[in-house]
Amino acid sequence: HECVLILHTGHPVQGYRYLDVAGIDSYDQDQSLTSSSLGSMVVMRGKHNIPDTPQWLPVALIRNRPPRKEMFYEQCMMLAIYYNLIGSALVDIRNGLIVQYFKELGCERYLSRRPRKFESPNSQQTNEYGVSLNVFTKPRMVGALQTFFFSHAGSIWFDVMIDEALNYDEYEVDSDNDSIDALGIALMRLLDQDQVALD
């Protein structure tokens, strides 16, 4: 089902950097005849020492496919602005039109650069922003997801994410479990950053 959700205890905390990151599993075509895939963005809250504030959990979720792809891109951009995700919104570059959208509307600063910890030593990638989910990066993302679910599954409050995690195909590069792909991309950003939130 389609949804735009923010956890009631997961709204932005003012005055902190490196607290929240996002993963975006986007698409380039308004409609697809070969896939039931939706677009998804997950905002993930990392480790911190802020009292009474949850950590290591998804705090916001977009999962939909509006009539026009630009509507999805705009929702992602607004969520990135709301959470002040400067340099922290990591996109699956295989469907990279959303990167151009952010740039054209003056929001390039929210895009995350390639996560070096998840890059092949002999990588030929030239893209400045985003990550490519391929035969090298996808297994590493799946490993990060497995570790996360083993330690923090009880912290996921979005039912659709639990449903998709139970149906997730770890070997398929192009999965229709969009919120879990977006969560995995967010985890890649978080692990590459490896930075405790700063006041």
N, C-alpha and C. Protein backbone atom coordinates (compact mmCIF):
# COMPACT_ATOMS: atom_id res chain seq x y z
N HIS A 1 0.83 -1.19 0.00
CA HIS A 1 0.00 0.00 0.00
C HIS A 1 0.88 1.25 0.00
N GLU A 2 0.29 2.33 -0.48
CA GLU A 2 1.04 3.59 -0.58
C GLU A 2 0.91 4.37 0.72
N CYS A 3 1.99 5.05 1.11
CA CYS A 3 1.95 5.78 2.37
C CYS A 3 3.05 6.84 2.44
N VAL A 4 2.79 7.84 3.26
CA VAL A 4 3.78 8.82 3.68
C VAL A 4 3.62 8.92 5.20
N LEU A 5 4.62 8.46 5.95
CA LEU A 5 4.50 8.34 7.41
C LEU A 5 5.70 8.94 8.12
N ILE A 6 5.43 9.56 9.27
CA ILE A 6 6.49 10.01 10.18
C ILE A 6 6.16 9.48 11.57
N LEU A 7 7.11 8.82 12.19
CA LEU A 7 6.93 8.30 13.54
C LEU A 7 6.68 9.46 14.50
N HIS A 8 5.73 9.31 15.42
CA HIS A 8 5.37 10.44 16.29
C HIS A 8 6.55 10.90 17.16
N THR A 9 7.49 10.01 17.46
CA THR A 9 8.68 10.42 18.23
C THR A 9 9.89 10.63 17.32
N GLY A 10 9.65 10.68 16.01
CA GLY A 10 10.76 10.71 15.07
C GLY A 10 10.88 11.98 14.25
N HIS A 11 10.23 13.05 14.69
CA HIS A 11 10.36 14.31 13.97
C HIS A 11 11.78 14.86 14.16
N PRO A 12 12.21 15.80 13.32
CA PRO A 12 13.58 16.31 13.41
C PRO A 12 13.91 16.89 14.78
N VAL A 13 15.15 16.69 15.19
CA VAL A 13 15.67 17.30 16.43
C VAL A 13 16.55 18.46 16.00
N GLN A 14 16.18 19.65 16.40
CA GLN A 14 16.89 20.85 15.96
C GLN A 14 18.29 20.93 16.57
N GLY A 15 19.23 21.45 15.80
CA GLY A 15 20.56 21.74 16.31
C GLY A 15 21.55 20.60 16.25
N TYR A 16 21.21 19.49 15.59
CA TYR A 16 22.12 18.35 15.52
C TYR A 16 22.51 18.05 14.08
N ARG A 17 23.77 17.68 13.89
CA ARG A 17 24.25 17.19 12.60
C ARG A 17 24.53 15.70 12.72
N TYR A 18 24.45 15.01 11.59
CA TYR A 18 24.73 13.57 11.50
C TYR A 18 23.73 12.73 12.28
N LEU A 19 22.57 13.28 12.61
CA LEU A 19 21.58 12.51 13.37
C LEU A 19 20.75 11.63 12.44
N ASP A 20 20.30 12.19 11.32
CA ASP A 20 19.42 11.48 10.41
C ASP A 20 20.05 11.37 9.03
N VAL A 21 19.80 10.26 8.36
CA VAL A 21 20.22 10.05 6.98
C VAL A 21 19.02 9.47 6.23
N ALA A 22 19.13 9.40 4.91
CA ALA A 22 18.02 8.83 4.13
C ALA A 22 18.54 7.97 3.01
N GLY A 23 17.75 6.96 2.66
CA GLY A 23 17.97 6.15 1.48
C GLY A 23 16.78 6.31 0.56
N ILE A 24 17.04 6.47 -0.74
CA ILE A 24 15.96 6.67 -1.72
C ILE A 24 16.07 5.61 -2.81
N ASP A 25 15.02 4.82 -2.93
CA ASP A 25 14.88 3.85 -4.02
C ASP A 25 13.90 4.47 -5.00
N SER A 26 14.41 5.09 -6.05
CA SER A 26 13.59 5.90 -6.94
C SER A 26 13.24 5.15 -8.23
N TYR A 27 12.66 5.85 -9.17
CA TYR A 27 12.33 5.30 -10.49
C TYR A 27 12.37 6.43 -11.50
N ASP A 28 12.54 6.06 -12.78
CA ASP A 28 12.69 7.06 -13.85
C ASP A 28 11.48 7.18 -14.76
N GLN A 29 10.54 6.23 -14.67
CA GLN A 29 9.37 6.26 -15.55
C GLN A 29 8.11 6.45 -14.72
N ASP A 30 7.16 7.24 -15.26
CA ASP A 30 5.92 7.48 -14.52
C ASP A 30 5.20 6.18 -14.20
N GLN A 31 5.07 5.30 -15.19
CA GLN A 31 4.41 4.01 -15.00
C GLN A 31 5.28 2.92 -15.60
N SER A 32 5.18 1.73 -15.03
CA SER A 32 5.94 0.60 -15.57
C SER A 32 4.98 -0.53 -15.92
N LEU A 33 5.19 -1.12 -17.11
CA LEU A 33 4.36 -2.25 -17.53
C LEU A 33 4.95 -3.58 -17.07
N THR A 34 6.19 -3.55 -16.58
CA THR A 34 6.87 -4.80 -16.23
C THR A 34 7.11 -4.97 -14.74
N SER A 35 6.73 -3.96 -13.94
CA SER A 35 7.05 -4.03 -12.52
C SER A 35 5.95 -3.37 -11.69
N SER A 36 5.73 -3.90 -10.48
CA SER A 36 4.79 -3.29 -9.55
C SER A 36 5.53 -2.43 -8.53
N SER A 37 6.79 -2.12 -8.83
CA SER A 37 7.65 -1.38 -7.92
C SER A 37 7.11 0.03 -7.67
N LEU A 38 7.26 0.47 -6.44
CA LEU A 38 6.92 1.84 -6.05
C LEU A 38 8.22 2.58 -5.76
N GLY A 39 8.12 3.87 -5.57
CA GLY A 39 9.28 4.61 -5.08
C GLY A 39 9.26 4.60 -3.57
N SER A 40 10.42 4.70 -2.96
CA SER A 40 10.46 4.70 -1.49
C SER A 40 11.63 5.54 -0.97
N MET A 41 11.38 6.22 0.12
CA MET A 41 12.44 6.94 0.85
C MET A 41 12.29 6.62 2.32
N VAL A 42 13.38 6.26 2.96
CA VAL A 42 13.39 5.96 4.39
C VAL A 42 14.38 6.92 5.06
N VAL A 43 13.89 7.64 6.07
CA VAL A 43 14.78 8.45 6.91
C VAL A 43 15.13 7.62 8.13
N MET A 44 16.42 7.46 8.35
CA MET A 44 16.94 6.59 9.41
C MET A 44 17.66 7.45 10.45
N ARG A 45 17.34 7.22 11.72
CA ARG A 45 18.02 7.93 12.81
C ARG A 45 19.14 7.06 13.34
N GLY A 46 20.34 7.63 13.41
CA GLY A 46 21.52 6.89 13.84
C GLY A 46 21.76 6.96 15.33
N LYS A 47 23.01 6.69 15.72
CA LYS A 47 23.36 6.66 17.14
C LYS A 47 23.59 8.08 17.66
N HIS A 48 23.24 8.28 18.92
CA HIS A 48 23.37 9.60 19.54
C HIS A 48 23.26 9.44 21.05
N ASN A 49 23.37 10.55 21.79
CA ASN A 49 23.19 10.51 23.24
C ASN A 49 22.16 11.54 23.68
N ILE A 50 21.15 11.78 22.84
CA ILE A 50 20.09 12.73 23.16
C ILE A 50 19.05 12.03 24.04
N PRO A 51 18.76 12.58 25.21
CA PRO A 51 17.79 11.92 26.11
C PRO A 51 16.40 11.83 25.47
N ASP A 52 15.72 10.72 25.76
CA ASP A 52 14.32 10.50 25.35
C ASP A 52 14.11 10.61 23.85
N THR A 53 15.11 10.25 23.07
CA THR A 53 15.00 10.28 21.61
C THR A 53 15.42 8.91 21.07
N PRO A 54 14.56 8.27 20.29
CA PRO A 54 14.90 6.94 19.78
C PRO A 54 16.11 6.97 18.85
N GLN A 55 16.82 5.85 18.76
CA GLN A 55 17.97 5.76 17.87
C GLN A 55 17.98 4.41 17.16
N TRP A 56 18.73 4.33 16.07
CA TRP A 56 18.83 3.14 15.23
C TRP A 56 17.45 2.62 14.81
N LEU A 57 16.67 3.50 14.19
CA LEU A 57 15.38 3.09 13.68
C LEU A 57 14.92 4.00 12.55
N PRO A 58 14.06 3.48 11.66
CA PRO A 58 13.45 4.33 10.64
C PRO A 58 12.45 5.28 11.29
N VAL A 59 12.54 6.56 10.99
CA VAL A 59 11.63 7.54 11.60
C VAL A 59 10.65 8.13 10.59
N ALA A 60 10.91 7.97 9.30
CA ALA A 60 9.98 8.47 8.29
C ALA A 60 10.04 7.57 7.06
N LEU A 61 8.89 7.46 6.39
CA LEU A 61 8.79 6.58 5.23
C LEU A 61 7.88 7.19 4.17
N ILE A 62 8.38 7.22 2.95
CA ILE A 62 7.55 7.50 1.78
C ILE A 62 7.56 6.22 0.95
N ARG A 63 6.40 5.75 0.55
CA ARG A 63 6.31 4.55 -0.28
C ARG A 63 5.11 4.71 -1.19
N ASN A 64 5.33 5.19 -2.40
CA ASN A 64 4.21 5.40 -3.32
C ASN A 64 4.70 5.57 -4.75
N ARG A 65 3.77 5.71 -5.66
CA ARG A 65 4.08 5.99 -7.06
C ARG A 65 2.97 6.89 -7.60
N PRO A 66 3.10 8.20 -7.37
CA PRO A 66 2.08 9.15 -7.85
C PRO A 66 1.99 9.12 -9.38
N PRO A 67 0.97 9.79 -9.95
CA PRO A 67 0.80 9.78 -11.40
C PRO A 67 2.03 10.27 -12.17
N ARG A 68 2.77 11.22 -11.59
CA ARG A 68 3.98 11.72 -12.25
C ARG A 68 5.18 11.53 -11.33
N LYS A 69 6.29 11.10 -11.90
CA LYS A 69 7.50 10.83 -11.09
C LYS A 69 7.97 12.08 -10.36
N GLU A 70 7.76 13.26 -10.96
CA GLU A 70 8.20 14.50 -10.32
C GLU A 70 7.49 14.74 -8.98
N MET A 71 6.28 14.21 -8.84
CA MET A 71 5.57 14.34 -7.57
C MET A 71 6.26 13.53 -6.47
N PHE A 72 6.74 12.35 -6.84
CA PHE A 72 7.51 11.54 -5.88
C PHE A 72 8.83 12.24 -5.55
N TYR A 73 9.52 12.76 -6.57
CA TYR A 73 10.78 13.47 -6.34
C TYR A 73 10.57 14.64 -5.40
N GLU A 74 9.47 15.37 -5.59
CA GLU A 74 9.19 16.54 -4.74
C GLU A 74 8.94 16.13 -3.29
N GLN A 75 8.22 15.01 -3.09
CA GLN A 75 7.99 14.52 -1.73
C GLN A 75 9.32 14.20 -1.05
N CYS A 76 10.22 13.52 -1.79
CA CYS A 76 11.54 13.18 -1.24
C CYS A 76 12.32 14.44 -0.91
N MET A 77 12.26 15.42 -1.79
CA MET A 77 12.99 16.66 -1.57
C MET A 77 12.44 17.39 -0.34
N MET A 78 11.12 17.42 -0.19
CA MET A 78 10.53 18.09 0.97
C MET A 78 10.92 17.39 2.27
N LEU A 79 10.96 16.05 2.24
CA LEU A 79 11.36 15.31 3.45
C LEU A 79 12.83 15.56 3.77
N ALA A 80 13.67 15.65 2.74
CA ALA A 80 15.09 15.96 2.95
C ALA A 80 15.25 17.35 3.56
N ILE A 81 14.45 18.29 3.11
CA ILE A 81 14.50 19.65 3.67
C ILE A 81 13.99 19.64 5.11
N TYR A 82 12.88 18.94 5.36
CA TYR A 82 12.29 18.89 6.70
C TYR A 82 13.28 18.34 7.72
N TYR A 83 14.02 17.30 7.33
CA TYR A 83 15.01 16.70 8.24
C TYR A 83 16.39 17.33 8.11
N ASN A 84 16.53 18.33 7.25
CA ASN A 84 17.80 19.03 7.05
C ASN A 84 18.93 18.04 6.76
N LEU A 85 18.70 17.18 5.78
CA LEU A 85 19.64 16.10 5.45
C LEU A 85 20.76 16.58 4.54
N ILE A 86 21.50 17.57 4.98
CA ILE A 86 22.60 18.11 4.18
C ILE A 86 23.62 17.00 3.92
N GLY A 87 23.83 16.66 2.64
CA GLY A 87 24.80 15.64 2.27
C GLY A 87 24.46 14.24 2.73
N SER A 88 23.19 13.99 3.08
CA SER A 88 22.85 12.72 3.72
C SER A 88 21.73 11.93 3.06
N ALA A 89 21.25 12.36 1.89
CA ALA A 89 20.20 11.61 1.18
C ALA A 89 20.86 10.81 0.06
N LEU A 90 21.00 9.51 0.28
CA LEU A 90 21.68 8.63 -0.67
C LEU A 90 20.67 7.99 -1.61
N VAL A 91 20.94 8.09 -2.91
CA VAL A 91 20.02 7.63 -3.95
C VAL A 91 20.63 6.42 -4.66
N ASP A 92 19.75 5.47 -5.05
CA ASP A 92 20.19 4.40 -5.95
C ASP A 92 20.35 5.02 -7.32
N ILE A 93 21.59 5.17 -7.78
CA ILE A 93 21.91 5.94 -8.98
C ILE A 93 21.43 5.25 -10.26
N ARG A 94 21.07 3.97 -10.19
CA ARG A 94 20.58 3.29 -11.39
C ARG A 94 19.31 3.94 -11.93
N ASN A 95 18.54 4.58 -11.05
CA ASN A 95 17.38 5.37 -11.45
C ASN A 95 17.65 6.80 -10.96
N GLY A 96 18.51 7.49 -11.69
CA GLY A 96 19.10 8.72 -11.19
C GLY A 96 18.47 10.01 -11.63
N LEU A 97 17.30 9.99 -12.27
CA LEU A 97 16.68 11.25 -12.67
C LEU A 97 16.36 12.14 -11.47
N ILE A 98 16.13 11.53 -10.32
CA ILE A 98 15.84 12.31 -9.11
C ILE A 98 17.03 13.20 -8.73
N VAL A 99 18.25 12.75 -9.04
CA VAL A 99 19.43 13.57 -8.76
C VAL A 99 19.37 14.86 -9.56
N GLN A 100 19.02 14.74 -10.84
CA GLN A 100 18.89 15.92 -11.70
C GLN A 100 17.79 16.84 -11.19
N TYR A 101 16.70 16.27 -10.69
CA TYR A 101 15.59 17.05 -10.14
C TYR A 101 16.06 17.88 -8.95
N PHE A 102 16.78 17.25 -8.03
CA PHE A 102 17.30 17.97 -6.86
C PHE A 102 18.22 19.11 -7.31
N LYS A 103 19.08 18.82 -8.28
CA LYS A 103 20.02 19.85 -8.76
C LYS A 103 19.28 21.02 -9.39
N GLU A 104 18.30 20.73 -10.24
CA GLU A 104 17.58 21.79 -10.95
C GLU A 104 16.81 22.70 -10.00
N LEU A 105 16.39 22.17 -8.86
CA LEU A 105 15.61 22.97 -7.92
C LEU A 105 16.46 23.51 -6.77
N GLY A 106 17.78 23.48 -6.94
CA GLY A 106 18.67 24.09 -5.95
C GLY A 106 18.84 23.31 -4.67
N CYS A 107 18.61 22.00 -4.71
CA CYS A 107 18.70 21.18 -3.50
C CYS A 107 19.80 20.13 -3.59
N GLU A 108 20.80 20.38 -4.41
CA GLU A 108 21.91 19.45 -4.57
C GLU A 108 22.61 19.18 -3.24
N ARG A 109 22.62 20.16 -2.35
CA ARG A 109 23.35 20.02 -1.08
C ARG A 109 22.80 18.89 -0.20
N TYR A 110 21.58 18.43 -0.47
CA TYR A 110 21.01 17.35 0.33
C TYR A 110 21.46 15.97 -0.14
N LEU A 111 21.99 15.87 -1.34
CA LEU A 111 22.40 14.59 -1.91
C LEU A 111 23.68 14.08 -1.27
N SER A 112 23.75 12.78 -1.07
CA SER A 112 24.93 12.15 -0.49
C SER A 112 25.87 11.69 -1.60
N ARG A 113 27.15 11.89 -1.38
CA ARG A 113 28.17 11.39 -2.31
C ARG A 113 28.26 9.87 -2.21
N ARG A 114 28.99 9.28 -3.14
CA ARG A 114 29.13 7.82 -3.15
C ARG A 114 29.70 7.32 -1.82
N PRO A 115 29.12 6.28 -1.24
CA PRO A 115 29.65 5.72 0.02
C PRO A 115 30.90 4.88 -0.26
N ARG A 116 32.05 5.39 0.09
CA ARG A 116 33.33 4.75 -0.24
C ARG A 116 33.49 3.38 0.40
N LYS A 117 32.91 3.19 1.58
CA LYS A 117 33.06 1.89 2.26
C LYS A 117 32.35 0.76 1.52
N PHE A 118 31.43 1.11 0.61
CA PHE A 118 30.68 0.10 -0.12
C PHE A 118 31.07 0.06 -1.60
N GLU A 119 32.22 0.59 -1.92
CA GLU A 119 32.65 0.67 -3.31
C GLU A 119 33.73 -0.37 -3.59
N SER A 120 33.63 -1.00 -4.73
CA SER A 120 34.62 -1.99 -5.14
C SER A 120 35.99 -1.33 -5.31
N PRO A 121 37.07 -2.01 -4.90
CA PRO A 121 38.41 -1.43 -5.04
C PRO A 121 38.76 -1.07 -6.49
N ASN A 122 38.21 -1.80 -7.45
CA ASN A 122 38.49 -1.50 -8.86
C ASN A 122 37.27 -0.90 -9.56
N SER A 123 36.51 -0.12 -8.81
CA SER A 123 35.29 0.50 -9.34
C SER A 123 35.60 1.48 -10.46
N GLN A 124 34.76 1.48 -11.48
CA GLN A 124 34.89 2.42 -12.59
C GLN A 124 33.82 3.51 -12.51
N GLN A 125 33.15 3.62 -11.38
CA GLN A 125 32.07 4.60 -11.25
C GLN A 125 32.61 6.02 -11.36
N THR A 126 31.82 6.87 -12.01
CA THR A 126 32.21 8.27 -12.15
C THR A 126 31.16 9.21 -11.56
N ASN A 127 30.01 8.64 -11.13
CA ASN A 127 28.96 9.50 -10.57
C ASN A 127 29.41 10.13 -9.26
N GLU A 128 29.08 11.40 -9.10
CA GLU A 128 29.45 12.11 -7.87
C GLU A 128 28.54 11.71 -6.72
N TYR A 129 27.23 11.55 -7.02
CA TYR A 129 26.24 11.26 -5.98
C TYR A 129 25.64 9.88 -6.20
N GLY A 130 25.15 9.29 -5.12
CA GLY A 130 24.40 8.05 -5.21
C GLY A 130 25.26 6.80 -5.14
N VAL A 131 24.56 5.67 -5.08
CA VAL A 131 25.20 4.36 -5.01
C VAL A 131 24.54 3.46 -6.05
N SER A 132 25.33 2.59 -6.66
CA SER A 132 24.79 1.64 -7.61
C SER A 132 24.63 0.28 -6.92
N LEU A 133 23.40 -0.22 -6.87
CA LEU A 133 23.18 -1.54 -6.29
C LEU A 133 23.51 -2.58 -7.36
N ASN A 134 24.67 -3.20 -7.23
CA ASN A 134 25.15 -4.16 -8.22
C ASN A 134 25.63 -5.43 -7.51
N VAL A 135 26.30 -6.31 -8.24
CA VAL A 135 26.72 -7.59 -7.67
C VAL A 135 27.75 -7.42 -6.56
N PHE A 136 28.40 -6.27 -6.48
CA PHE A 136 29.35 -6.02 -5.39
C PHE A 136 28.65 -5.38 -4.19
N THR A 137 27.85 -4.34 -4.44
CA THR A 137 27.27 -3.58 -3.33
C THR A 137 26.02 -4.22 -2.73
N LYS A 138 25.22 -4.91 -3.56
CA LYS A 138 23.96 -5.49 -3.05
C LYS A 138 24.20 -6.50 -1.92
N PRO A 139 25.13 -7.46 -2.04
CA PRO A 139 25.36 -8.39 -0.92
C PRO A 139 25.82 -7.67 0.36
N ARG A 140 26.59 -6.60 0.21
CA ARG A 140 27.04 -5.84 1.38
C ARG A 140 25.87 -5.09 2.02
N MET A 141 24.97 -4.58 1.18
CA MET A 141 23.77 -3.93 1.71
C MET A 141 22.90 -4.95 2.44
N VAL A 142 22.74 -6.14 1.86
CA VAL A 142 21.94 -7.19 2.48
C VAL A 142 22.55 -7.59 3.82
N GLY A 143 23.88 -7.65 3.90
CA GLY A 143 24.55 -7.94 5.17
C GLY A 143 24.24 -6.89 6.22
N ALA A 144 24.24 -5.62 5.81
CA ALA A 144 23.91 -4.53 6.74
C ALA A 144 22.46 -4.64 7.20
N LEU A 145 21.56 -5.01 6.27
CA LEU A 145 20.15 -5.19 6.63
C LEU A 145 19.98 -6.34 7.61
N GLN A 146 20.67 -7.46 7.38
CA GLN A 146 20.55 -8.62 8.27
C GLN A 146 21.02 -8.25 9.68
N THR A 147 22.13 -7.56 9.79
CA THR A 147 22.64 -7.13 11.09
C THR A 147 21.64 -6.20 11.78
N PHE A 148 21.09 -5.27 10.98
CA PHE A 148 20.12 -4.33 11.54
C PHE A 148 18.89 -5.06 12.06
N PHE A 149 18.33 -5.97 11.26
CA PHE A 149 17.11 -6.68 11.70
C PHE A 149 17.39 -7.59 12.89
N PHE A 150 18.56 -8.18 12.93
CA PHE A 150 18.90 -9.04 14.06
C PHE A 150 18.94 -8.24 15.37
N SER A 151 19.46 -7.02 15.31
CA SER A 151 19.64 -6.21 16.52
C SER A 151 18.50 -5.24 16.79
N HIS A 152 17.79 -4.79 15.75
CA HIS A 152 16.86 -3.67 15.94
C HIS A 152 15.48 -3.89 15.32
N ALA A 153 15.11 -5.11 15.00
CA ALA A 153 13.81 -5.35 14.35
C ALA A 153 12.65 -4.81 15.18
N GLY A 154 12.78 -4.87 16.50
CA GLY A 154 11.72 -4.37 17.38
C GLY A 154 11.55 -2.87 17.34
N SER A 155 12.47 -2.17 16.68
CA SER A 155 12.39 -0.71 16.59
C SER A 155 11.65 -0.24 15.34
N ILE A 156 11.21 -1.16 14.50
CA ILE A 156 10.53 -0.76 13.26
C ILE A 156 9.02 -0.70 13.52
N TRP A 157 8.48 0.51 13.38
CA TRP A 157 7.07 0.73 13.69
C TRP A 157 6.19 0.79 12.45
N PHE A 158 6.78 0.69 11.25
CA PHE A 158 6.01 0.76 10.02
C PHE A 158 5.72 -0.67 9.54
N ASP A 159 4.45 -1.07 9.60
CA ASP A 159 4.05 -2.44 9.27
C ASP A 159 4.49 -2.85 7.87
N VAL A 160 4.38 -1.93 6.91
CA VAL A 160 4.71 -2.27 5.53
C VAL A 160 6.18 -2.70 5.41
N MET A 161 7.04 -2.12 6.23
CA MET A 161 8.45 -2.49 6.18
C MET A 161 8.67 -3.90 6.72
N ILE A 162 7.94 -4.27 7.75
CA ILE A 162 8.04 -5.63 8.28
C ILE A 162 7.56 -6.63 7.22
N ASP A 163 6.42 -6.31 6.57
CA ASP A 163 5.88 -7.20 5.54
C ASP A 163 6.89 -7.37 4.40
N GLU A 164 7.47 -6.26 3.96
CA GLU A 164 8.43 -6.35 2.85
C GLU A 164 9.71 -7.08 3.26
N ALA A 165 10.13 -6.91 4.50
CA ALA A 165 11.34 -7.59 4.97
C ALA A 165 11.13 -9.10 4.96
N LEU A 166 9.92 -9.54 5.30
CA LEU A 166 9.64 -10.98 5.32
C LEU A 166 9.61 -11.57 3.92
N ASN A 167 9.34 -10.73 2.91
CA ASN A 167 9.27 -11.20 1.51
C ASN A 167 10.52 -10.84 0.71
N TYR A 168 11.53 -10.32 1.37
CA TYR A 168 12.68 -9.77 0.65
C TYR A 168 13.51 -10.86 -0.02
N ASP A 169 13.83 -10.65 -1.29
CA ASP A 169 14.68 -11.57 -2.04
C ASP A 169 16.10 -11.00 -2.05
N GLU A 170 16.97 -11.59 -1.27
CA GLU A 170 18.32 -11.03 -1.11
C GLU A 170 19.20 -11.21 -2.33
N TYR A 171 18.78 -12.06 -3.28
CA TYR A 171 19.60 -12.29 -4.47
C TYR A 171 19.16 -11.47 -5.67
N GLU A 172 17.96 -10.96 -5.65
CA GLU A 172 17.43 -10.21 -6.77
C GLU A 172 17.94 -8.77 -6.72
N VAL A 173 18.57 -8.31 -7.79
CA VAL A 173 19.11 -6.94 -7.82
C VAL A 173 17.98 -5.93 -7.90
N ASP A 174 16.96 -6.18 -8.72
CA ASP A 174 15.82 -5.28 -8.85
C ASP A 174 14.65 -5.84 -8.08
N SER A 175 14.51 -5.48 -6.82
CA SER A 175 13.45 -6.02 -5.99
C SER A 175 12.26 -5.08 -5.98
N ASP A 176 11.07 -5.63 -5.69
CA ASP A 176 9.86 -4.82 -5.53
C ASP A 176 9.60 -4.51 -4.07
N ASN A 177 10.51 -4.86 -3.20
CA ASN A 177 10.39 -4.53 -1.77
C ASN A 177 11.10 -3.20 -1.52
N ASP A 178 10.44 -2.16 -2.01
CA ASP A 178 11.09 -0.86 -2.15
C ASP A 178 11.51 -0.22 -0.83
N SER A 179 10.67 -0.36 0.21
CA SER A 179 11.02 0.29 1.47
C SER A 179 12.25 -0.38 2.10
N ILE A 180 12.44 -1.68 1.87
CA ILE A 180 13.61 -2.36 2.42
C ILE A 180 14.86 -1.99 1.63
N ASP A 181 14.72 -1.85 0.30
CA ASP A 181 15.85 -1.34 -0.48
C ASP A 181 16.23 0.06 0.00
N ALA A 182 15.23 0.91 0.24
CA ALA A 182 15.51 2.27 0.72
C ALA A 182 16.15 2.24 2.11
N LEU A 183 15.68 1.33 2.97
CA LEU A 183 16.29 1.17 4.29
C LEU A 183 17.74 0.73 4.16
N GLY A 184 17.99 -0.25 3.27
CA GLY A 184 19.36 -0.71 3.06
C GLY A 184 20.27 0.40 2.56
N ILE A 185 19.76 1.23 1.66
CA ILE A 185 20.55 2.36 1.15
C ILE A 185 20.82 3.36 2.28
N ALA A 186 19.83 3.60 3.13
CA ALA A 186 20.03 4.49 4.28
C ALA A 186 21.09 3.92 5.23
N LEU A 187 21.05 2.61 5.45
CA LEU A 187 22.06 1.98 6.30
C LEU A 187 23.46 2.12 5.71
N MET A 188 23.57 2.01 4.38
CA MET A 188 24.86 2.20 3.72
C MET A 188 25.38 3.60 4.00
N ARG A 189 24.50 4.59 3.93
CA ARG A 189 24.90 5.97 4.21
C ARG A 189 25.32 6.12 5.67
N LEU A 190 24.56 5.52 6.56
CA LEU A 190 24.84 5.62 7.99
C LEU A 190 26.16 4.95 8.35
N LEU A 191 26.41 3.77 7.80
CA LEU A 191 27.64 3.04 8.09
C LEU A 191 28.86 3.70 7.43
N ASP A 192 28.67 4.29 6.27
CA ASP A 192 29.76 5.00 5.62
C ASP A 192 30.12 6.26 6.40
N GLN A 193 29.11 6.90 6.95
CA GLN A 193 29.32 8.13 7.73
C GLN A 193 30.04 7.82 9.04
N ASP A 194 29.59 6.75 9.74
CA ASP A 194 30.20 6.31 10.99
C ASP A 194 30.48 7.49 11.92
N GLN A 195 29.47 8.29 12.16
CA GLN A 195 29.63 9.53 12.92
C GLN A 195 28.49 9.67 13.93
N VAL A 196 28.83 9.85 15.19
CA VAL A 196 27.81 10.09 16.21
C VAL A 196 27.25 11.49 16.00
N ALA A 197 25.95 11.65 16.26
CA ALA A 197 25.32 12.96 16.09
C ALA A 197 25.99 14.01 16.97
N LEU A 198 26.17 15.19 16.40
CA LEU A 198 26.84 16.28 17.11
C LEU A 198 25.87 17.43 17.34
N ASP A 199 25.92 18.03 18.53
CA ASP A 199 25.12 19.20 18.83
C ASP A 199 25.82 20.42 18.24
